[in-house]
Protein backbone atom coordinates (compact mmCIF):
# COMPACT_ATOMS: atom_id res chain seq x y z
CA MET A 1 43.42 -13.73 82.76
CA ALA A 2 43.38 -11.39 80.21
CA LEU A 3 40.82 -9.89 78.84
CA ARG A 4 40.15 -9.74 75.37
CA THR A 5 39.08 -6.14 73.90
CA ALA A 6 36.95 -7.22 70.76
CA LYS A 7 37.47 -5.36 67.70
CA PRO A 8 34.96 -3.19 66.18
CA ARG A 9 33.36 -4.67 63.36
CA GLN A 10 34.08 -2.91 60.16
CA LYS A 11 31.50 -1.77 57.42
CA PRO A 12 32.02 -3.69 54.22
CA VAL A 13 32.73 -1.02 51.39
CA SER A 14 29.57 -0.45 49.41
CA ALA A 15 29.29 0.21 45.99
CA PRO A 16 28.34 3.81 44.55
CA PRO A 17 25.20 4.87 43.74
CA SER A 18 23.73 3.80 40.72
CA ASP A 19 23.49 7.11 39.69
CA THR A 20 27.14 7.75 40.57
CA ALA A 21 28.07 5.01 39.20
CA ALA A 22 26.64 5.46 35.57
CA PHE A 23 28.78 9.01 36.03
CA LEU A 24 31.62 7.55 36.38
CA ALA A 25 31.03 4.70 33.08
CA ALA A 26 30.18 7.79 31.18
CA ILE A 27 33.61 9.70 31.99
CA GLY A 28 35.07 6.78 31.43
CA ARG A 29 33.72 6.12 28.03
CA GLU A 30 34.33 9.79 26.97
CA VAL A 31 38.38 9.28 27.99
CA ARG A 32 38.20 6.22 26.08
CA ARG A 33 36.73 7.27 23.11
CA HIS A 34 39.02 10.34 22.87
CA ARG A 35 42.04 8.59 23.49
CA ALA A 36 41.13 6.14 20.59
CA LYS A 37 40.06 8.64 18.32
CA ARG A 38 43.67 10.08 18.53
CA GLY A 39 45.17 7.09 18.05
CA MET A 40 46.77 7.22 21.68
CA THR A 41 47.87 4.34 23.67
CA ARG A 42 46.55 4.03 27.42
CA ARG A 43 50.39 3.87 28.18
CA GLN A 44 50.84 7.20 26.46
CA LEU A 45 48.18 9.00 27.69
CA ALA A 46 49.20 7.97 31.45
CA GLN A 47 52.65 9.27 29.98
CA THR A 48 51.38 13.08 29.12
CA SER A 49 49.07 12.93 31.83
CA ALA A 50 51.39 12.24 34.36
CA THR A 51 48.60 9.43 35.48
CA SER A 52 48.96 5.58 36.51
CA GLU A 53 48.46 3.72 33.92
CA ARG A 54 46.80 1.09 36.20
CA TYR A 55 44.81 4.16 37.51
CA LEU A 56 43.64 5.27 34.17
CA ALA A 57 42.47 1.99 33.01
CA GLN A 58 40.47 2.01 36.07
CA ILE A 59 39.00 5.45 34.91
CA GLU A 60 38.01 4.27 31.33
CA SER A 61 36.50 0.96 32.84
CA GLY A 62 33.77 3.00 34.99
CA ALA A 63 35.85 1.80 38.43
CA GLY A 64 37.94 4.83 39.23
CA ASN A 65 36.77 8.15 40.82
CA PRO A 66 39.26 10.94 38.88
CA SER A 67 39.54 14.07 41.04
CA ALA A 68 39.31 17.17 39.08
CA SER A 69 42.92 17.96 38.94
CA VAL A 70 43.35 13.95 37.64
CA LEU A 71 40.43 14.61 35.29
CA ARG A 72 41.95 18.25 34.11
CA ALA A 73 45.17 16.94 33.34
CA ILE A 74 43.80 14.38 30.64
CA ALA A 75 41.86 16.47 29.50
CA GLN A 76 44.96 18.86 28.54
CA ALA A 77 46.97 15.52 27.57
CA LEU A 78 43.97 15.19 25.26
CA ASP A 79 44.06 18.64 24.08
CA LEU A 80 40.70 18.99 25.33
CA PRO A 81 38.15 21.65 27.58
CA ILE A 82 37.64 19.19 30.82
CA ALA A 83 34.23 19.74 30.08
CA ALA A 84 34.27 17.30 27.54
CA LEU A 85 35.06 14.20 29.89
CA LEU A 86 31.96 15.05 31.29
CA PRO A 87 28.34 13.75 30.92
CA GLN A 88 26.86 16.69 29.07
CA ALA A 89 23.68 18.53 30.40
CA GLY A 90 21.35 21.36 29.27
CA ALA A 91 20.08 21.83 25.65
CA ARG A 92 23.54 20.52 24.30
CA GLY A 93 23.45 17.49 26.27
CA ALA A 94 19.67 17.38 25.18
CA ILE A 95 20.45 16.97 21.92
CA LEU A 96 23.36 14.56 22.44
CA ASP A 97 20.84 12.34 23.90
CA LEU A 98 19.08 12.34 20.77
CA LEU A 99 21.59 11.52 18.27
CA ALA A 100 22.54 8.50 20.63
CA GLN A 101 18.91 7.31 20.00
CA ALA A 102 19.05 7.45 16.00
CA PRO A 103 20.33 4.45 14.17
CA ASP A 104 23.77 5.10 12.84
CA GLY A 105 22.89 5.06 9.51
CA GLU A 106 20.82 8.30 10.37
CA LEU A 107 24.19 9.62 11.72
CA PRO A 108 25.98 11.16 8.82
CA GLU A 109 22.89 13.07 7.22
CA LEU A 110 22.04 14.52 10.89
CA ALA A 111 25.65 15.73 10.93
CA ARG A 112 25.51 17.15 7.34
CA LEU A 113 22.06 19.05 8.33
CA ILE A 114 23.61 20.17 11.68
CA ALA A 115 26.82 21.62 10.03
CA ALA A 116 25.03 23.51 6.93
CA ARG A 117 23.00 24.94 9.71
CA ILE A 118 25.99 26.31 11.95
CA ALA A 119 28.55 26.68 8.83
CA PRO A 120 26.76 27.08 5.56
CA PRO A 121 29.62 26.11 3.10
CA ASP A 122 31.00 28.03 0.58
CA ARG A 123 30.45 25.51 -2.65
CA ALA A 124 32.42 27.66 -5.27
CA ASP A 125 35.72 27.27 -3.05
CA ARG A 126 35.10 23.96 -1.90
CA ALA A 127 34.71 22.05 -5.86
CA ARG A 128 38.71 23.58 -6.45
CA ARG A 129 39.24 21.14 -3.60
CA ILE A 130 39.33 17.72 -2.98
CA ALA A 131 40.35 16.04 0.20
CA LEU A 132 40.57 12.52 1.21
CA VAL A 133 40.87 11.42 5.01
CA GLY A 134 40.89 7.43 6.37
CA LEU A 135 42.97 5.21 8.32
CA ARG A 136 46.34 4.65 6.96
CA GLY A 137 46.54 1.56 4.62
CA ALA A 138 43.09 3.26 2.78
CA GLY A 139 45.16 4.37 -0.70
CA LYS A 140 45.20 8.12 0.03
CA SER A 141 48.28 8.97 -1.12
CA THR A 142 48.44 6.12 -3.90
CA LEU A 143 45.06 7.13 -5.53
CA GLY A 144 45.41 10.86 -4.33
CA ARG A 145 48.62 11.52 -6.47
CA MET A 146 47.17 9.47 -9.09
CA LEU A 147 43.99 11.99 -9.13
CA ALA A 148 45.63 15.14 -8.67
CA SER A 149 47.76 14.09 -12.05
CA HIS A 150 44.90 13.49 -13.75
CA LEU A 151 43.62 16.66 -12.80
CA GLY A 152 46.34 18.33 -13.25
CA TRP A 153 45.85 19.87 -9.67
CA PRO A 154 48.86 20.38 -6.91
CA PHE A 155 49.11 17.28 -5.01
CA ILE A 156 49.61 17.75 -0.81
CA GLU A 157 50.61 15.38 2.08
CA LEU A 158 49.00 17.49 4.91
CA ASP A 159 51.32 15.56 6.80
CA ARG A 160 54.90 16.48 4.47
CA VAL A 161 53.81 19.97 4.65
CA VAL A 162 53.92 19.79 8.53
CA GLU A 163 57.15 18.00 8.33
CA GLU A 164 58.60 20.88 6.14
CA ASP A 165 57.28 23.50 8.58
CA TYR A 166 58.63 21.90 11.87
CA GLY A 167 62.12 20.50 9.98
CA ALA A 168 61.24 17.07 11.55
CA SER A 169 59.39 13.78 11.00
CA ILE A 170 55.75 13.68 12.34
CA PRO A 171 56.47 10.67 15.17
CA ASP A 172 59.90 13.05 16.49
CA LEU A 173 57.33 16.39 16.22
CA ILE A 174 55.22 13.96 18.27
CA GLU A 175 58.04 12.44 20.49
CA MET A 176 59.86 15.67 21.19
CA ALA A 177 56.50 18.24 21.42
CA GLY A 178 53.49 16.00 21.86
CA LEU A 179 50.55 15.25 20.25
CA ALA A 180 48.75 18.61 20.84
CA THR A 181 51.27 20.77 19.19
CA PHE A 182 51.54 18.28 16.20
CA ARG A 183 47.41 19.08 15.78
CA ARG A 184 48.80 22.65 16.38
CA HIS A 185 50.97 22.82 13.13
CA GLU A 186 48.33 20.35 11.01
CA LYS A 187 45.43 23.25 11.77
CA SER A 188 47.99 25.95 10.87
CA ALA A 189 49.41 24.18 7.70
CA LEU A 190 45.40 23.48 6.65
CA GLU A 191 44.80 27.06 6.93
CA ARG A 192 47.92 27.96 4.65
CA ILE A 193 47.09 25.47 1.98
CA LEU A 194 43.42 26.76 2.02
CA ALA A 195 44.55 29.94 1.90
CA THR A 196 46.96 29.51 -1.25
CA HIS A 197 45.69 27.17 -3.28
CA GLY A 198 42.77 27.82 -5.46
CA ARG A 199 42.96 23.53 -7.09
CA ALA A 200 44.53 20.96 -4.82
CA VAL A 201 44.16 17.11 -3.81
CA ILE A 202 44.82 16.78 -0.41
CA THR A 203 45.45 13.81 1.90
CA THR A 204 45.42 13.82 5.50
CA ALA A 205 46.28 12.04 8.36
CA GLY A 206 43.70 9.49 10.24
CA GLY A 207 43.38 11.11 12.96
CA ILE A 208 42.87 14.87 11.56
CA VAL A 209 39.29 14.07 12.78
CA SER A 210 40.09 14.50 16.33
CA VAL A 211 40.13 17.96 16.42
CA PRO A 212 36.42 19.44 15.99
CA GLU A 213 37.77 22.93 14.34
CA THR A 214 40.70 21.94 11.85
CA TYR A 215 38.25 18.82 10.34
CA ALA A 216 35.43 21.59 10.36
CA LEU A 217 37.42 23.58 8.20
CA LEU A 218 38.44 20.52 5.87
CA LEU A 219 34.95 19.71 5.26
CA ARG A 220 33.72 23.58 4.68
CA ARG A 221 36.60 24.13 2.20
CA SER A 222 36.55 21.34 0.15
CA HIS A 223 35.03 17.96 -1.53
CA THR A 224 35.80 15.49 1.37
CA ILE A 225 35.92 11.70 0.21
CA TRP A 226 36.18 8.65 3.13
CA LEU A 227 38.53 6.04 1.38
CA LYS A 228 37.91 3.09 3.66
CA ALA A 229 38.64 -0.78 3.57
CA ARG A 230 37.83 -3.59 5.90
CA PRO A 231 39.81 -3.72 9.36
CA GLN A 232 42.11 -6.78 7.91
CA GLU A 233 42.77 -4.93 5.14
CA HIS A 234 44.06 -1.90 6.50
CA MET A 235 46.48 -3.69 8.54
CA SER A 236 47.83 -5.88 5.65
CA ARG A 237 49.24 -3.03 3.90
CA VAL A 238 50.16 -1.20 6.89
CA MET A 239 52.13 -4.66 7.85
CA ALA A 240 53.22 -4.16 3.92
CA GLN A 241 54.62 -0.61 5.11
CA GLY A 242 56.66 -1.91 8.00
CA ASP A 243 54.96 1.17 10.35
CA PHE A 244 51.85 0.14 12.74
CA ARG A 245 51.40 3.42 13.63
CA PRO A 246 49.49 4.35 15.71
CA MET A 247 48.82 0.90 16.54
CA ALA A 248 51.11 0.27 18.60
CA GLN A 249 51.61 -2.49 21.35
CA ASN A 250 50.19 -1.13 23.98
CA ARG A 251 48.66 -3.09 27.37
CA GLU A 252 45.34 -2.73 26.97
CA SER A 253 45.68 -5.18 24.28
CA GLY A 254 45.71 -7.98 26.76
CA GLY A 255 49.63 -8.39 26.57
CA LYS A 256 49.12 -9.31 23.28
CA SER A 257 51.86 -9.05 20.53
CA GLY A 258 52.67 -7.85 17.09
CA ALA A 259 49.66 -7.68 14.64
CA THR A 260 47.44 -9.09 17.28
CA GLY A 261 47.51 -6.20 19.62
CA ALA A 262 47.46 -3.79 16.62
CA MET A 263 44.39 -5.44 14.82
CA ALA A 264 42.94 -4.76 18.53
CA ASP A 265 44.09 -1.37 18.56
CA LEU A 266 42.86 -0.28 14.77
CA MET A 267 39.38 -1.71 15.27
CA ALA A 268 39.13 0.59 18.48
CA ILE A 269 40.15 3.44 16.34
CA LEU A 270 38.12 2.93 14.03
CA GLU A 271 35.36 2.57 15.72
CA ALA A 272 35.71 5.76 17.38
CA ARG A 273 36.34 7.58 14.16
CA SER A 274 33.57 6.16 11.96
CA ALA A 275 30.79 8.40 12.81
CA ASP A 276 33.49 11.34 12.16
CA TYR A 277 34.94 9.98 8.90
CA ALA A 278 30.98 9.79 7.97
CA ARG A 279 30.70 13.16 7.68
CA ALA A 280 33.04 13.43 4.87
CA GLU A 281 30.29 13.77 1.74
CA ALA A 282 31.03 11.01 -0.05
CA GLU A 283 32.87 7.36 0.33
CA VAL A 284 34.47 5.22 -1.57
CA ASP A 285 35.74 1.55 -0.42
CA THR A 286 38.89 0.16 -1.26
CA SER A 287 38.19 -3.32 0.15
CA GLY A 288 38.80 -6.42 -2.24
CA ALA A 289 39.67 -4.07 -5.34
CA SER A 290 42.55 -3.30 -7.36
CA VAL A 291 44.47 0.29 -8.06
CA GLU A 292 43.52 0.90 -10.97
CA GLU A 293 39.49 -0.13 -9.99
CA SER A 294 39.53 2.38 -6.82
CA PHE A 295 41.15 5.04 -9.01
CA SER A 296 37.97 4.50 -11.45
CA ALA A 297 35.79 4.38 -7.97
CA LEU A 298 37.25 7.68 -6.98
CA LEU A 299 36.83 9.66 -10.52
CA ARG A 300 32.94 8.24 -10.39
CA VAL A 301 32.64 10.00 -7.48
CA VAL A 302 34.57 13.29 -8.51
CA THR A 303 33.44 13.78 -11.79
CA PRO A 304 30.01 15.30 -11.14
CA TRP A 305 31.33 17.71 -8.54
CA LEU A 306 34.02 18.83 -11.19
CA GLY A 307 31.16 18.94 -14.07
CA ARG A 308 28.82 21.07 -12.63
CA HIS A 309 31.83 23.86 -12.67
CA GLY A 310 32.39 23.24 -16.04
CA GLU A 311 35.45 21.90 -15.27
CA VAL A 312 35.51 18.21 -16.25
CA PRO A 313 38.98 16.49 -17.00
């Protein structure tokens, strides 16, 4: 009779310690937040970073434990230092912890106080430029062109300047050279516009807030206004234009297609960018308003700025 050899009992796989799990969850939140701020789908980030889309989903959910090389590749694809994806420590981390405890309604004022302390704006220079920021579908191009005509100032669409510089459309530029290259062209074009135009109405791509240096430059050198609308109105206007960028269908939308998946992406992008948009000097909500009503609201914001410098149109 043959004797059976007992197999050694395998130890069950244990969950990571609570502090490790919290650390991985924090990394996942940062990856997800920075991706959404840039309007990148998970598939796009996976391809750019040469990371499995499935593994990237695990990292974003906090279930993955990325190696340093994987995290570095993801950071490079997002055009960030790797430290930006790590939970912050030291004095910088303490400041971020305090900000995390502040009510959302107080964040815009806190951001303005910090910005004024670090880089006080040149108010005389600011007064001669007006920039409109926000998601696609808020009315930036329409209202910006109307405002420029009313003031007799140049109207400059930053995206169009980048396209002229590069010799290709923005989608083609991003597809051929990557999002990070587009953002570098965007910053260079903005620097040139600010240096050569004493007065201008400037509109920007919604994702300009994803590069802190570029957005800080815009805030410092222009009166910046956030044009906003309800998500449903953003989506209906984008659908009317027939272009869902950057709200493209992707796997994290749960396999949904068309407008349903695009709406899920729009909500994620808006959530990731709202705190940055709110750093603008003023807001104009175009929800439920006609073009003429929105333009009147915009003029009410702009006129006092001009009046302080004797430039009432």
